[in-house]
Amino acid sequence: MKMLIQRVNNAKVLFEDGTFNSIEKGLLVYLGVHNEDDLKDIQVCVRKLINLRIFEDEEGKINFSLIDKNYEVMIISNFSLYGNMKKGNRPSFTESATALKANDIYEIFLKELEKNNVKYKSGRFQTYMDVQSSNDGPMNFIFDTREEVN
């Protein structure tokens, strides 16, 4: 599982039917599901996401987590995070999970956030979305459980 984590002042996702979800200060996370991901990957990502200390304290040091600050997170599913561009000019998505598996993993991920009392909004799976955000910093991080060392 791969997360592109962005610290934001706000984020909004607009759907084709005219509805939207939005958050104020917090994190915008693009979530990619690998074809070998399972419950362990979900748990590792949720733990990393909620404990990642990337918000400033009173002295300007990055000491606080999403939970510490009681901020929100916007989760957007994004299969292209596992796009492989090593050969040719067209990305290969063979490492991305199938839509069925990715949706199941995505839904479990959201439930794990709820279990941890994280305030979140989400995009819609396998739907065109217009994602808008105001980056804070900018601070962007990539976390991939395939590269995680236990």
C-alpha atoms as a PDB file:
ATOM      1  CA  MET A   1       0.000   0.000   0.000  1.00  0.00           C
ATOM      2  CA  LYS A   2       1.305   3.397  -0.911  1.00  0.00           C
ATOM      3  CA  MET A   3       0.306   6.768   0.487  1.00  0.00           C
ATOM      4  CA  LEU A   4       1.139  10.172  -0.928  1.00  0.00           C
ATOM      5  CA  ILE A   5       0.609  12.360   2.143  1.00  0.00           C
ATOM      6  CA  GLN A   6       0.250  16.125   1.775  1.00  0.00           C
ATOM      7  CA  ARG A   7      -0.074  18.595   4.625  1.00  0.00           C
ATOM      8  CA  VAL A   8      -2.838  21.003   3.607  1.00  0.00           C
ATOM      9  CA  ASN A   9      -4.587  24.152   4.773  1.00  0.00           C
ATOM     10  CA  ASN A  10      -7.738  22.747   3.157  1.00  0.00           C
ATOM     11  CA  ALA A  11      -8.816  20.213   0.558  1.00  0.00           C
ATOM     12  CA  LYS A  12     -11.951  19.600  -1.452  1.00  0.00           C
ATOM     13  CA  VAL A  13     -13.044  16.831  -3.782  1.00  0.00           C
ATOM     14  CA  LEU A  14     -15.823  17.511  -6.291  1.00  0.00           C
ATOM     15  CA  PHE A  15     -17.818  14.707  -7.887  1.00  0.00           C
ATOM     16  CA  GLU A  16     -19.467  14.625 -11.306  1.00  0.00           C
ATOM     17  CA  ASP A  17     -22.942  14.821  -9.766  1.00  0.00           C
ATOM     18  CA  GLY A  18     -22.088  18.233  -8.285  1.00  0.00           C
ATOM     19  CA  THR A  19     -21.625  17.076  -4.680  1.00  0.00           C
ATOM     20  CA  PHE A  20     -18.373  17.405  -2.766  1.00  0.00           C
ATOM     21  CA  ASN A  21     -16.463  16.624   0.429  1.00  0.00           C
ATOM     22  CA  SER A  22     -14.046  19.026   2.073  1.00  0.00           C
ATOM     23  CA  ILE A  23     -11.720  19.404   5.046  1.00  0.00           C
ATOM     24  CA  GLU A  24      -9.955  22.293   6.696  1.00  0.00           C
ATOM     25  CA  LYS A  25      -6.374  22.023   8.008  1.00  0.00           C
ATOM     26  CA  GLY A  26      -5.058  18.481   7.997  1.00  0.00           C
ATOM     27  CA  LEU A  27      -3.822  15.885   5.533  1.00  0.00           C
ATOM     28  CA  LEU A  28      -4.729  15.016   1.967  1.00  0.00           C
ATOM     29  CA  VAL A  29      -3.817  11.383   1.308  1.00  0.00           C
ATOM     30  CA  TYR A  30      -3.782   9.642  -2.049  1.00  0.00           C
ATOM     31  CA  LEU A  31      -4.009   5.911  -1.331  1.00  0.00           C
ATOM     32  CA  GLY A  32      -2.790   3.270  -3.773  1.00  0.00           C
ATOM     33  CA  VAL A  33      -3.481  -0.428  -3.236  1.00  0.00           C
ATOM     34  CA  HIS A  34      -0.893  -2.984  -4.394  1.00  0.00           C
ATOM     35  CA  ASN A  35      -2.027  -6.345  -5.743  1.00  0.00           C
ATOM     36  CA  GLU A  36      -0.443  -8.108  -2.726  1.00  0.00           C
ATOM     37  CA  ASP A  37      -1.813  -5.818   0.016  1.00  0.00           C
ATOM     38  CA  ASP A  38      -3.687  -7.291   2.957  1.00  0.00           C
ATOM     39  CA  LEU A  39      -4.885  -6.362   6.453  1.00  0.00           C
ATOM     40  CA  LYS A  40      -1.329  -5.950   7.728  1.00  0.00           C
ATOM     41  CA  ASP A  41      -0.635  -3.268   5.107  1.00  0.00           C
ATOM     42  CA  ILE A  42      -3.796  -1.428   6.140  1.00  0.00           C
ATOM     43  CA  GLN A  43      -2.821  -1.488   9.810  1.00  0.00           C
ATOM     44  CA  VAL A  44       0.737  -0.319   9.100  1.00  0.00           C
ATOM     45  CA  CYS A  45      -0.507   2.583   6.954  1.00  0.00           C
ATOM     46  CA  VAL A  46      -3.171   3.699   9.422  1.00  0.00           C
ATOM     47  CA  ARG A  47      -0.684   3.584  12.303  1.00  0.00           C
ATOM     48  CA  LYS A  48       1.868   5.584  10.293  1.00  0.00           C
ATOM     49  CA  LEU A  49      -0.710   8.105   9.108  1.00  0.00           C
ATOM     50  CA  ILE A  50      -2.181   8.907  12.513  1.00  0.00           C
ATOM     51  CA  ASN A  51       1.162   9.028  14.336  1.00  0.00           C
ATOM     52  CA  LEU A  52       3.255  10.860  11.726  1.00  0.00           C
ATOM     53  CA  ARG A  53       4.507  14.021  13.442  1.00  0.00           C
ATOM     54  CA  ILE A  54       4.450  16.679  10.719  1.00  0.00           C
ATOM     55  CA  PHE A  55       2.619  19.562  12.392  1.00  0.00           C
ATOM     56  CA  GLU A  56       4.449  22.351  14.213  1.00  0.00           C
ATOM     57  CA  ASP A  57       4.507  22.961  17.934  1.00  0.00           C
ATOM     58  CA  GLU A  58       4.682  26.411  19.539  1.00  0.00           C
ATOM     59  CA  GLU A  59       8.388  26.647  18.664  1.00  0.00           C
ATOM     60  CA  GLY A  60       7.886  25.788  14.997  1.00  0.00           C
ATOM     61  CA  LYS A  61       9.285  22.247  15.305  1.00  0.00           C
ATOM     62  CA  ILE A  62       7.382  19.435  13.633  1.00  0.00           C
ATOM     63  CA  ASN A  63       6.298  17.615  16.776  1.00  0.00           C
ATOM     64  CA  PHE A  64       2.561  16.992  16.477  1.00  0.00           C
ATOM     65  CA  SER A  65       0.536  14.324  14.699  1.00  0.00           C
ATOM     66  CA  LEU A  66      -2.886  14.423  13.094  1.00  0.00           C
ATOM     67  CA  ILE A  67      -4.333  12.979  16.311  1.00  0.00           C
ATOM     68  CA  ASP A  68      -2.453  15.455  18.534  1.00  0.00           C
ATOM     69  CA  LYS A  69      -3.917  18.395  16.608  1.00  0.00           C
ATOM     70  CA  ASN A  70      -7.353  16.815  16.084  1.00  0.00           C
ATOM     71  CA  TYR A  71      -7.139  17.643  12.367  1.00  0.00           C
ATOM     72  CA  GLU A  72      -9.024  15.950   9.551  1.00  0.00           C
ATOM     73  CA  VAL A  73      -7.790  13.776   6.719  1.00  0.00           C
ATOM     74  CA  MET A  74      -9.101  13.515   3.154  1.00  0.00           C
ATOM     75  CA  ILE A  75      -8.562  10.054   1.634  1.00  0.00           C
ATOM     76  CA  ILE A  76      -8.560   9.681  -2.158  1.00  0.00           C
ATOM     77  CA  SER A  77      -8.141   6.263  -3.790  1.00  0.00           C
ATOM     78  CA  ASN A  78      -5.534   6.427  -6.549  1.00  0.00           C
ATOM     79  CA  PHE A  79      -4.559   3.301  -8.514  1.00  0.00           C
ATOM     80  CA  SER A  80      -1.956   5.242 -10.516  1.00  0.00           C
ATOM     81  CA  LEU A  81       0.384   5.396  -7.497  1.00  0.00           C
ATOM     82  CA  TYR A  82       1.530   1.921  -8.537  1.00  0.00           C
ATOM     83  CA  GLY A  83       2.013   2.942 -12.159  1.00  0.00           C
ATOM     84  CA  ASN A  84       5.367   1.658 -13.407  1.00  0.00           C
ATOM     85  CA  MET A  85       7.134   3.948 -15.890  1.00  0.00           C
ATOM     86  CA  LYS A  86      10.382   1.977 -16.321  1.00  0.00           C
ATOM     87  CA  LYS A  87       9.649   0.802 -19.875  1.00  0.00           C
ATOM     88  CA  GLY A  88       8.340   2.984 -22.653  1.00  0.00           C
ATOM     89  CA  ASN A  89       6.134   6.019 -22.261  1.00  0.00           C
ATOM     90  CA  ARG A  90       2.886   4.411 -21.150  1.00  0.00           C
ATOM     91  CA  PRO A  91       2.661   3.467 -17.461  1.00  0.00           C
ATOM     92  CA  SER A  92       1.956  -0.151 -16.591  1.00  0.00           C
ATOM     93  CA  PHE A  93      -0.502  -0.769 -13.761  1.00  0.00           C
ATOM     94  CA  THR A  94       0.158  -4.488 -13.232  1.00  0.00           C
ATOM     95  CA  GLU A  95       1.205  -3.853  -9.617  1.00  0.00           C
ATOM     96  CA  SER A  96      -2.085  -2.097  -8.807  1.00  0.00           C
ATOM     97  CA  ALA A  97      -4.770  -4.237  -7.200  1.00  0.00           C
ATOM     98  CA  THR A  98      -7.867  -5.152  -9.184  1.00  0.00           C
ATOM     99  CA  ALA A  99     -10.791  -2.779  -8.721  1.00  0.00           C
ATOM    100  CA  LEU A 100     -12.668  -5.326  -6.595  1.00  0.00           C
ATOM    101  CA  LYS A 101      -9.750  -5.966  -4.252  1.00  0.00           C
ATOM    102  CA  ALA A 102      -8.731  -2.303  -4.089  1.00  0.00           C
ATOM    103  CA  ASN A 103     -12.263  -1.230  -3.158  1.00  0.00           C
ATOM    104  CA  ASP A 104     -12.419  -3.817  -0.360  1.00  0.00           C
ATOM    105  CA  ILE A 105      -9.032  -2.682   0.999  1.00  0.00           C
ATOM    106  CA  TYR A 106     -10.043   0.993   0.692  1.00  0.00           C
ATOM    107  CA  GLU A 107     -13.267   0.431   2.662  1.00  0.00           C
ATOM    108  CA  ILE A 108     -11.416  -1.471   5.396  1.00  0.00           C
ATOM    109  CA  PHE A 109      -8.842   1.345   5.544  1.00  0.00           C
ATOM    110  CA  LEU A 110     -11.644   3.876   6.153  1.00  0.00           C
ATOM    111  CA  LYS A 111     -13.130   1.661   8.878  1.00  0.00           C
ATOM    112  CA  GLU A 112      -9.729   1.477  10.578  1.00  0.00           C
ATOM    113  CA  LEU A 113      -9.595   5.277  10.617  1.00  0.00           C
ATOM    114  CA  GLU A 114     -13.020   5.297  12.301  1.00  0.00           C
ATOM    115  CA  LYS A 115     -11.838   2.770  14.903  1.00  0.00           C
ATOM    116  CA  ASN A 116      -8.987   5.148  15.722  1.00  0.00           C
ATOM    117  CA  ASN A 117     -11.366   8.126  16.065  1.00  0.00           C
ATOM    118  CA  VAL A 118      -9.867   9.929  13.075  1.00  0.00           C
ATOM    119  CA  LYS A 119     -12.078  12.562  11.458  1.00  0.00           C
ATOM    120  CA  TYR A 120     -11.983  11.909   7.731  1.00  0.00           C
ATOM    121  CA  LYS A 121     -13.694  12.609   4.461  1.00  0.00           C
ATOM    122  CA  SER A 122     -13.175  10.527   1.364  1.00  0.00           C
ATOM    123  CA  GLY A 123     -13.420  10.492  -2.361  1.00  0.00           C
ATOM    124  CA  ARG A 124     -15.461   7.937  -4.258  1.00  0.00           C
ATOM    125  CA  PHE A 125     -13.882   4.768  -5.470  1.00  0.00           C
ATOM    126  CA  GLN A 126     -13.419   4.318  -9.233  1.00  0.00           C
ATOM    127  CA  THR A 127     -15.022   7.686 -10.007  1.00  0.00           C
ATOM    128  CA  TYR A 128     -13.689  10.778 -11.729  1.00  0.00           C
ATOM    129  CA  MET A 129     -12.890  13.413  -9.096  1.00  0.00           C
ATOM    130  CA  ASP A 130     -11.704  17.013  -9.196  1.00  0.00           C
ATOM    131  CA  VAL A 131      -9.383  17.305  -6.187  1.00  0.00           C
ATOM    132  CA  GLN A 132      -8.444  20.785  -5.017  1.00  0.00           C
ATOM    133  CA  SER A 133      -6.105  21.675  -2.177  1.00  0.00           C
ATOM    134  CA  SER A 134      -3.991  24.377  -0.630  1.00  0.00           C
ATOM    135  CA  ASN A 135      -0.661  22.832   0.350  1.00  0.00           C
ATOM    136  CA  ASP A 136       0.828  23.829   3.696  1.00  0.00           C
ATOM    137  CA  GLY A 137       4.618  24.124   3.481  1.00  0.00           C
ATOM    138  CA  PRO A 138       4.591  22.397   1.104  1.00  0.00           C
ATOM    139  CA  MET A 139       5.146  19.164   2.991  1.00  0.00           C
ATOM    140  CA  ASN A 140       4.686  15.949   0.993  1.00  0.00           C
ATOM    141  CA  PHE A 141       5.641  12.412   1.963  1.00  0.00           C
ATOM    142  CA  ILE A 142       5.485   9.039   0.247  1.00  0.00           C
ATOM    143  CA  PHE A 143       5.035   5.929   2.362  1.00  0.00           C
ATOM    144  CA  ASP A 144       5.001   2.458   0.808  1.00  0.00           C
ATOM    145  CA  THR A 145       4.524  -0.714   2.848  1.00  0.00           C
ATOM    146  CA  ARG A 146       6.544  -2.582   0.181  1.00  0.00           C
ATOM    147  CA  GLU A 147       9.561  -0.592   1.418  1.00  0.00           C
ATOM    148  CA  GLU A 148       8.720  -0.850   5.131  1.00  0.00           C
ATOM    149  CA  VAL A 149      11.366  -2.536   7.272  1.00  0.00           C
ATOM    150  CA  ASN A 150       9.909  -4.296  10.316  1.00  0.00           C
END
